[in-house]
Amino acid sequence: RDELAFEFMMNALRLNEGFDSMLFQERTSLPLPGIRRELEEAVRRGLLFRDHQRIAPTQLGQWFLNDLLAIFLVGST
């Protein structure tokens, strides 16, 4: 389950424009609130932009994509 969320984020966050927040649940069958803590941490670090419709890497998140993705690895936060 956690691997599925990580794999989705690994693919989706490589896109500069990010992804529609509903797409996470559609593709993984997992609820987005299940990764709320990780999303909040990424936003707090300035690596991720999130609003009610879209989730996307910031410029900093694009530069440090591996650091951004590491947040979504199981047990990394």
PDB file of N, CA and C in Angstrom:
ATOM      1  N   ARG A   1       0.823  -1.196   0.000  1.00  0.00           N
ATOM      2  CA  ARG A   1       0.000   0.000   0.000  1.00  0.00           C
ATOM      3  C   ARG A   1       0.868   1.261   0.000  1.00  0.00           C
ATOM      4  N   ASP A   2       1.828   1.323   0.934  1.00  0.00           N
ATOM      5  CA  ASP A   2       2.714   2.478   1.002  1.00  0.00           C
ATOM      6  C   ASP A   2       3.572   2.591  -0.250  1.00  0.00           C
ATOM      7  N   GLU A   3       3.973   1.441  -0.778  1.00  0.00           N
ATOM      8  CA  GLU A   3       4.774   1.447  -2.004  1.00  0.00           C
ATOM      9  C   GLU A   3       3.982   2.006  -3.173  1.00  0.00           C
ATOM     10  N   LEU A   4       2.692   1.701  -3.217  1.00  0.00           N
ATOM     11  CA  LEU A   4       1.835   2.207  -4.284  1.00  0.00           C
ATOM     12  C   LEU A   4       1.762   3.732  -4.232  1.00  0.00           C
ATOM     13  N   ALA A   5       1.605   4.277  -3.039  1.00  0.00           N
ATOM     14  CA  ALA A   5       1.562   5.733  -2.876  1.00  0.00           C
ATOM     15  C   ALA A   5       2.890   6.351  -3.304  1.00  0.00           C
ATOM     16  N   PHE A   6       4.009   5.739  -2.885  1.00  0.00           N
ATOM     17  CA  PHE A   6       5.321   6.264  -3.254  1.00  0.00           C
ATOM     18  C   PHE A   6       5.526   6.215  -4.767  1.00  0.00           C
ATOM     19  N   GLU A   7       5.175   5.105  -5.393  1.00  0.00           N
ATOM     20  CA  GLU A   7       5.355   4.984  -6.842  1.00  0.00           C
ATOM     21  C   GLU A   7       4.522   6.007  -7.602  1.00  0.00           C
ATOM     22  N   PHE A   8       3.298   6.254  -7.132  1.00  0.00           N
ATOM     23  CA  PHE A   8       2.476   7.281  -7.773  1.00  0.00           C
ATOM     24  C   PHE A   8       3.165   8.635  -7.666  1.00  0.00           C
ATOM     25  N   MET A   9       3.611   8.985  -6.457  1.00  0.00           N
ATOM     26  CA  MET A   9       4.248  10.285  -6.250  1.00  0.00           C
ATOM     27  C   MET A   9       5.538  10.392  -7.055  1.00  0.00           C
ATOM     28  N   MET A  10       6.285   9.310  -7.157  1.00  0.00           N
ATOM     29  CA  MET A  10       7.531   9.321  -7.913  1.00  0.00           C
ATOM     30  C   MET A  10       7.262   9.680  -9.379  1.00  0.00           C
ATOM     31  N   ASN A  11       6.200   9.153  -9.941  1.00  0.00           N
ATOM     32  CA  ASN A  11       5.865   9.464 -11.332  1.00  0.00           C
ATOM     33  C   ASN A  11       5.201  10.829 -11.474  1.00  0.00           C
ATOM     34  N   ALA A  12       4.248  11.141 -10.610  1.00  0.00           N
ATOM     35  CA  ALA A  12       3.466  12.370 -10.747  1.00  0.00           C
ATOM     36  C   ALA A  12       4.273  13.625 -10.435  1.00  0.00           C
ATOM     37  N   LEU A  13       5.186  13.561  -9.485  1.00  0.00           N
ATOM     38  CA  LEU A  13       5.930  14.759  -9.098  1.00  0.00           C
ATOM     39  C   LEU A  13       7.076  15.081 -10.048  1.00  0.00           C
ATOM     40  N   ARG A  14       7.343  14.212 -10.987  1.00  0.00           N
ATOM     41  CA  ARG A  14       8.334  14.529 -12.026  1.00  0.00           C
ATOM     42  C   ARG A  14       7.765  15.533 -13.029  1.00  0.00           C
ATOM     43  N   LEU A  15       6.447  15.667 -13.039  1.00  0.00           N
ATOM     44  CA  LEU A  15       5.785  16.632 -13.919  1.00  0.00           C
ATOM     45  C   LEU A  15       5.801  17.995 -13.238  1.00  0.00           C
ATOM     46  N   ASN A  16       6.322  18.997 -13.910  1.00  0.00           N
ATOM     47  CA  ASN A  16       6.394  20.337 -13.313  1.00  0.00           C
ATOM     48  C   ASN A  16       5.026  20.865 -12.925  1.00  0.00           C
ATOM     49  N   GLU A  17       3.999  20.507 -13.714  1.00  0.00           N
ATOM     50  CA  GLU A  17       2.655  21.004 -13.424  1.00  0.00           C
ATOM     51  C   GLU A  17       1.961  20.199 -12.333  1.00  0.00           C
ATOM     52  N   GLY A  18       2.579  19.109 -11.883  1.00  0.00           N
ATOM     53  CA  GLY A  18       1.989  18.311 -10.821  1.00  0.00           C
ATOM     54  C   GLY A  18       0.794  17.506 -11.298  1.00  0.00           C
ATOM     55  N   PHE A  19      -0.179  17.346 -10.411  1.00  0.00           N
ATOM     56  CA  PHE A  19      -1.339  16.521 -10.740  1.00  0.00           C
ATOM     57  C   PHE A  19      -2.570  16.986  -9.979  1.00  0.00           C
ATOM     58  N   ASP A  20      -3.728  16.639 -10.525  1.00  0.00           N
ATOM     59  CA  ASP A  20      -5.004  16.914  -9.874  1.00  0.00           C
ATOM     60  C   ASP A  20      -5.099  16.045  -8.625  1.00  0.00           C
ATOM     61  N   SER A  21      -5.503  16.627  -7.507  1.00  0.00           N
ATOM     62  CA  SER A  21      -5.530  15.872  -6.259  1.00  0.00           C
ATOM     63  C   SER A  21      -6.440  14.645  -6.303  1.00  0.00           C
ATOM     64  N   MET A  22      -7.480  14.663  -7.112  1.00  0.00           N
ATOM     65  CA  MET A  22      -8.376  13.508  -7.229  1.00  0.00           C
ATOM     66  C   MET A  22      -7.692  12.328  -7.927  1.00  0.00           C
ATOM     67  N   LEU A  23      -6.681  12.614  -8.721  1.00  0.00           N
ATOM     68  CA  LEU A  23      -5.996  11.576  -9.486  1.00  0.00           C
ATOM     69  C   LEU A  23      -5.300  10.558  -8.578  1.00  0.00           C
ATOM     70  N   PHE A  24      -4.817  11.006  -7.427  1.00  0.00           N
ATOM     71  CA  PHE A  24      -4.143  10.085  -6.502  1.00  0.00           C
ATOM     72  C   PHE A  24      -5.070   8.934  -6.122  1.00  0.00           C
ATOM     73  N   GLN A  25      -6.273   9.262  -5.688  1.00  0.00           N
ATOM     74  CA  GLN A  25      -7.213   8.219  -5.274  1.00  0.00           C
ATOM     75  C   GLN A  25      -7.677   7.386  -6.465  1.00  0.00           C
ATOM     76  N   GLU A  26      -7.887   8.028  -7.613  1.00  0.00           N
ATOM     77  CA  GLU A  26      -8.312   7.290  -8.804  1.00  0.00           C
ATOM     78  C   GLU A  26      -7.283   6.247  -9.214  1.00  0.00           C
ATOM     79  N   ARG A  27      -6.009   6.599  -9.160  1.00  0.00           N
ATOM     80  CA  ARG A  27      -4.952   5.699  -9.637  1.00  0.00           C
ATOM     81  C   ARG A  27      -4.491   4.680  -8.604  1.00  0.00           C
ATOM     82  N   THR A  28      -4.580   5.034  -7.320  1.00  0.00           N
ATOM     83  CA  THR A  28      -4.047   4.144  -6.287  1.00  0.00           C
ATOM     84  C   THR A  28      -5.129   3.440  -5.473  1.00  0.00           C
ATOM     85  N   SER A  29      -6.356   3.924  -5.554  1.00  0.00           N
ATOM     86  CA  SER A  29      -7.466   3.444  -4.710  1.00  0.00           C
ATOM     87  C   SER A  29      -7.194   3.702  -3.229  1.00  0.00           C
ATOM     88  N   LEU A  30      -6.302   4.641  -2.947  1.00  0.00           N
ATOM     89  CA  LEU A  30      -5.989   5.035  -1.575  1.00  0.00           C
ATOM     90  C   LEU A  30      -6.512   6.446  -1.338  1.00  0.00           C
ATOM     91  N   PRO A  31      -6.973   6.753  -0.131  1.00  0.00           N
ATOM     92  CA  PRO A  31      -7.440   8.109   0.156  1.00  0.00           C
ATOM     93  C   PRO A  31      -6.259   9.078   0.297  1.00  0.00           C
ATOM     94  N   LEU A  32      -6.394  10.256  -0.268  1.00  0.00           N
ATOM     95  CA  LEU A  32      -5.345  11.271  -0.170  1.00  0.00           C
ATOM     96  C   LEU A  32      -5.025  11.627   1.288  1.00  0.00           C
ATOM     97  N   PRO A  33      -6.026  11.677   2.187  1.00  0.00           N
ATOM     98  CA  PRO A  33      -5.692  11.962   3.589  1.00  0.00           C
ATOM     99  C   PRO A  33      -4.725  10.950   4.208  1.00  0.00           C
ATOM    100  N   GLY A  34      -4.565   9.792   3.596  1.00  0.00           N
ATOM    101  CA  GLY A  34      -3.625   8.794   4.096  1.00  0.00           C
ATOM    102  C   GLY A  34      -2.173   9.233   4.008  1.00  0.00           C
ATOM    103  N   ILE A  35      -1.890  10.235   3.154  1.00  0.00           N
ATOM    104  CA  ILE A  35      -0.522  10.764   3.059  1.00  0.00           C
ATOM    105  C   ILE A  35      -0.484  12.242   3.471  1.00  0.00           C
ATOM    106  N   ARG A  36      -1.470  12.638   4.259  1.00  0.00           N
ATOM    107  CA  ARG A  36      -1.571  14.036   4.702  1.00  0.00           C
ATOM    108  C   ARG A  36      -0.303  14.501   5.413  1.00  0.00           C
ATOM    109  N   ARG A  37       0.218  13.673   6.308  1.00  0.00           N
ATOM    110  CA  ARG A  37       1.417  14.056   7.071  1.00  0.00           C
ATOM    111  C   ARG A  37       2.597  14.326   6.135  1.00  0.00           C
ATOM    112  N   GLU A  38       2.780  13.461   5.150  1.00  0.00           N
ATOM    113  CA  GLU A  38       3.873  13.620   4.194  1.00  0.00           C
ATOM    114  C   GLU A  38       3.674  14.867   3.335  1.00  0.00           C
ATOM    115  N   LEU A  39       2.435  15.096   2.899  1.00  0.00           N
ATOM    116  CA  LEU A  39       2.144  16.296   2.106  1.00  0.00           C
ATOM    117  C   LEU A  39       2.445  17.557   2.913  1.00  0.00           C
ATOM    118  N   GLU A  40       2.006  17.576   4.161  1.00  0.00           N
ATOM    119  CA  GLU A  40       2.244  18.746   5.014  1.00  0.00           C
ATOM    120  C   GLU A  40       3.734  18.984   5.230  1.00  0.00           C
ATOM    121  N   GLU A  41       4.494  17.913   5.412  1.00  0.00           N
ATOM    122  CA  GLU A  41       5.940  18.043   5.602  1.00  0.00           C
ATOM    123  C   GLU A  41       6.600  18.616   4.349  1.00  0.00           C
ATOM    124  N   ALA A  42       6.191  18.138   3.182  1.00  0.00           N
ATOM    125  CA  ALA A  42       6.757  18.630   1.923  1.00  0.00           C
ATOM    126  C   ALA A  42       6.414  20.103   1.712  1.00  0.00           C
ATOM    127  N   VAL A  43       5.196  20.499   2.055  1.00  0.00           N
ATOM    128  CA  VAL A  43       4.800  21.909   1.949  1.00  0.00           C
ATOM    129  C   VAL A  43       5.613  22.737   2.941  1.00  0.00           C
ATOM    130  N   ARG A  44       5.754  22.243   4.162  1.00  0.00           N
ATOM    131  CA  ARG A  44       6.506  22.967   5.198  1.00  0.00           C
ATOM    132  C   ARG A  44       7.950  23.214   4.768  1.00  0.00           C
ATOM    133  N   ARG A  45       8.537  22.256   4.082  1.00  0.00           N
ATOM    134  CA  ARG A  45       9.922  22.396   3.609  1.00  0.00           C
ATOM    135  C   ARG A  45      10.031  23.229   2.336  1.00  0.00           C
ATOM    136  N   GLY A  46       8.897  23.657   1.792  1.00  0.00           N
ATOM    137  CA  GLY A  46       8.920  24.478   0.586  1.00  0.00           C
ATOM    138  C   GLY A  46       9.146  23.691  -0.691  1.00  0.00           C
ATOM    139  N   LEU A  47       8.959  22.377  -0.627  1.00  0.00           N
ATOM    140  CA  LEU A  47       9.204  21.526  -1.787  1.00  0.00           C
ATOM    141  C   LEU A  47       7.945  21.243  -2.593  1.00  0.00           C
ATOM    142  N   LEU A  48       6.782  21.519  -2.006  1.00  0.00           N
ATOM    143  CA  LEU A  48       5.515  21.151  -2.631  1.00  0.00           C
ATOM    144  C   LEU A  48       4.511  22.278  -2.491  1.00  0.00           C
ATOM    145  N   PHE A  49       3.730  22.485  -3.548  1.00  0.00           N
ATOM    146  CA  PHE A  49       2.592  23.403  -3.531  1.00  0.00           C
ATOM    147  C   PHE A  49       1.339  22.551  -3.506  1.00  0.00           C
ATOM    148  N   ARG A  50       0.388  22.945  -2.683  1.00  0.00           N
ATOM    149  CA  ARG A  50      -0.865  22.196  -2.622  1.00  0.00           C
ATOM    150  C   ARG A  50      -2.018  23.147  -2.383  1.00  0.00           C
ATOM    151  N   ASP A  51      -3.070  22.994  -3.188  1.00  0.00           N
ATOM    152  CA  ASP A  51      -4.329  23.672  -2.906  1.00  0.00           C
ATOM    153  C   ASP A  51      -5.434  22.629  -3.014  1.00  0.00           C
ATOM    154  N   HIS A  52      -6.690  23.053  -3.050  1.00  0.00           N
ATOM    155  CA  HIS A  52      -7.786  22.079  -3.047  1.00  0.00           C
ATOM    156  C   HIS A  52      -7.917  21.309  -4.361  1.00  0.00           C
ATOM    157  N   GLN A  53      -7.218  21.733  -5.424  1.00  0.00           N
ATOM    158  CA  GLN A  53      -7.330  21.057  -6.716  1.00  0.00           C
ATOM    159  C   GLN A  53      -6.041  20.421  -7.209  1.00  0.00           C
ATOM    160  N   ARG A  54      -4.907  20.980  -6.848  1.00  0.00           N
ATOM    161  CA  ARG A  54      -3.657  20.582  -7.487  1.00  0.00           C
ATOM    162  C   ARG A  54      -2.538  20.388  -6.465  1.00  0.00           C
ATOM    163  N   ILE A  55      -1.675  19.443  -6.779  1.00  0.00           N
ATOM    164  CA  ILE A  55      -0.464  19.195  -5.997  1.00  0.00           C
ATOM    165  C   ILE A  55       0.693  19.222  -6.986  1.00  0.00           C
ATOM    166  N   ALA A  56       1.694  20.047  -6.708  1.00  0.00           N
ATOM    167  CA  ALA A  56       2.800  20.194  -7.661  1.00  0.00           C
ATOM    168  C   ALA A  56       4.090  20.521  -6.915  1.00  0.00           C
ATOM    169  N   PRO A  57       5.209  20.108  -7.483  1.00  0.00           N
ATOM    170  CA  PRO A  57       6.484  20.495  -6.877  1.00  0.00           C
ATOM    171  C   PRO A  57       6.721  21.991  -7.080  1.00  0.00           C
ATOM    172  N   THR A  58       7.280  22.647  -6.090  1.00  0.00           N
ATOM    173  CA  THR A  58       7.698  24.036  -6.255  1.00  0.00           C
ATOM    174  C   THR A  58       8.995  24.032  -7.067  1.00  0.00           C
ATOM    175  N   GLN A  59       9.512  25.205  -7.375  1.00  0.00           N
ATOM    176  CA  GLN A  59      10.808  25.266  -8.061  1.00  0.00           C
ATOM    177  C   GLN A  59      11.872  24.559  -7.226  1.00  0.00           C
ATOM    178  N   LEU A  60      11.848  24.802  -5.921  1.00  0.00           N
ATOM    179  CA  LEU A  60      12.791  24.136  -5.022  1.00  0.00           C
ATOM    180  C   LEU A  60      12.585  22.618  -5.048  1.00  0.00           C
ATOM    181  N   GLY A  61      11.328  22.200  -5.070  1.00  0.00           N
ATOM    182  CA  GLY A  61      11.011  20.779  -5.135  1.00  0.00           C
ATOM    183  C   GLY A  61      11.478  20.131  -6.428  1.00  0.00           C
ATOM    184  N   GLN A  62      11.467  20.894  -7.513  1.00  0.00           N
ATOM    185  CA  GLN A  62      11.976  20.378  -8.788  1.00  0.00           C
ATOM    186  C   GLN A  62      13.490  20.205  -8.711  1.00  0.00           C
ATOM    187  N   TRP A  63      14.151  21.170  -8.106  1.00  0.00           N
ATOM    188  CA  TRP A  63      15.611  21.106  -7.973  1.00  0.00           C
ATOM    189  C   TRP A  63      16.041  19.961  -7.056  1.00  0.00           C
ATOM    190  N   PHE A  64      15.256  19.735  -6.003  1.00  0.00           N
ATOM    191  CA  PHE A  64      15.582  18.716  -5.003  1.00  0.00           C
ATOM    192  C   PHE A  64      14.520  17.616  -5.005  1.00  0.00           C
ATOM    193  N   LEU A  65      14.244  17.097  -6.189  1.00  0.00           N
ATOM    194  CA  LEU A  65      13.191  16.096  -6.356  1.00  0.00           C
ATOM    195  C   LEU A  65      13.445  14.851  -5.509  1.00  0.00           C
ATOM    196  N   ASN A  66      14.676  14.414  -5.419  1.00  0.00           N
ATOM    197  CA  ASN A  66      14.964  13.227  -4.601  1.00  0.00           C
ATOM    198  C   ASN A  66      14.628  13.467  -3.135  1.00  0.00           C
ATOM    199  N   ASP A  67      14.908  14.665  -2.632  1.00  0.00           N
ATOM    200  CA  ASP A  67      14.557  14.996  -1.250  1.00  0.00           C
ATOM    201  C   ASP A  67      13.045  15.017  -1.068  1.00  0.00           C
ATOM    202  N   LEU A  68      12.350  15.564  -2.057  1.00  0.00           N
ATOM    203  CA  LEU A  68      10.890  15.596  -2.017  1.00  0.00           C
ATOM    204  C   LEU A  68      10.337  14.175  -2.003  1.00  0.00           C
ATOM    205  N   LEU A  69      10.817  13.334  -2.884  1.00  0.00           N
ATOM    206  CA  LEU A  69      10.322  11.955  -2.957  1.00  0.00           C
ATOM    207  C   LEU A  69      10.650  11.164  -1.695  1.00  0.00           C
ATOM    208  N   ALA A  70      11.780  11.456  -1.079  1.00  0.00           N
ATOM    209  CA  ALA A  70      12.175  10.740   0.139  1.00  0.00           C
ATOM    210  C   ALA A  70      11.151  10.918   1.257  1.00  0.00           C
ATOM    211  N   ILE A  71      10.448  12.028   1.259  1.00  0.00           N
ATOM    212  CA  ILE A  71       9.416  12.269   2.271  1.00  0.00           C
ATOM    213  C   ILE A  71       8.329  11.205   2.192  1.00  0.00           C
ATOM    214  N   PHE A  72       8.078  10.713   0.987  1.00  0.00           N
ATOM    215  CA  PHE A  72       7.002   9.743   0.784  1.00  0.00           C
ATOM    216  C   PHE A  72       7.455   8.290   0.933  1.00  0.00           C
ATOM    217  N   LEU A  73       8.742   8.075   1.196  1.00  0.00           N
ATOM    218  CA  LEU A  73       9.223   6.721   1.470  1.00  0.00           C
ATOM    219  C   LEU A  73       8.761   6.291   2.857  1.00  0.00           C
ATOM    220  N   VAL A  74       8.407   5.066   3.004  1.00  0.00           N
ATOM    221  CA  VAL A  74       7.923   4.541   4.281  1.00  0.00           C
ATOM    222  C   VAL A  74       8.987   4.724   5.358  1.00  0.00           C
ATOM    223  N   GLY A  75       8.566   5.330   6.473  1.00  0.00           N
ATOM    224  CA  GLY A  75       9.459   5.470   7.613  1.00  0.00           C
ATOM    225  C   GLY A  75      10.513   6.546   7.491  1.00  0.00           C
ATOM    226  N   SER A  76      10.402   7.418   6.481  1.00  0.00           N
ATOM    227  CA  SER A  76      11.449   8.432   6.313  1.00  0.00           C
ATOM    228  C   SER A  76      11.163   9.706   7.080  1.00  0.00           C
ATOM    229  N   THR A  77       9.920   9.901   7.544  1.00  0.00           N
ATOM    230  CA  THR A  77       9.608  11.112   8.299  1.00  0.00           C
ATOM    231  C   THR A  77       9.257  10.776   9.723  1.00  0.00           C
TER     232      THR A  77
END
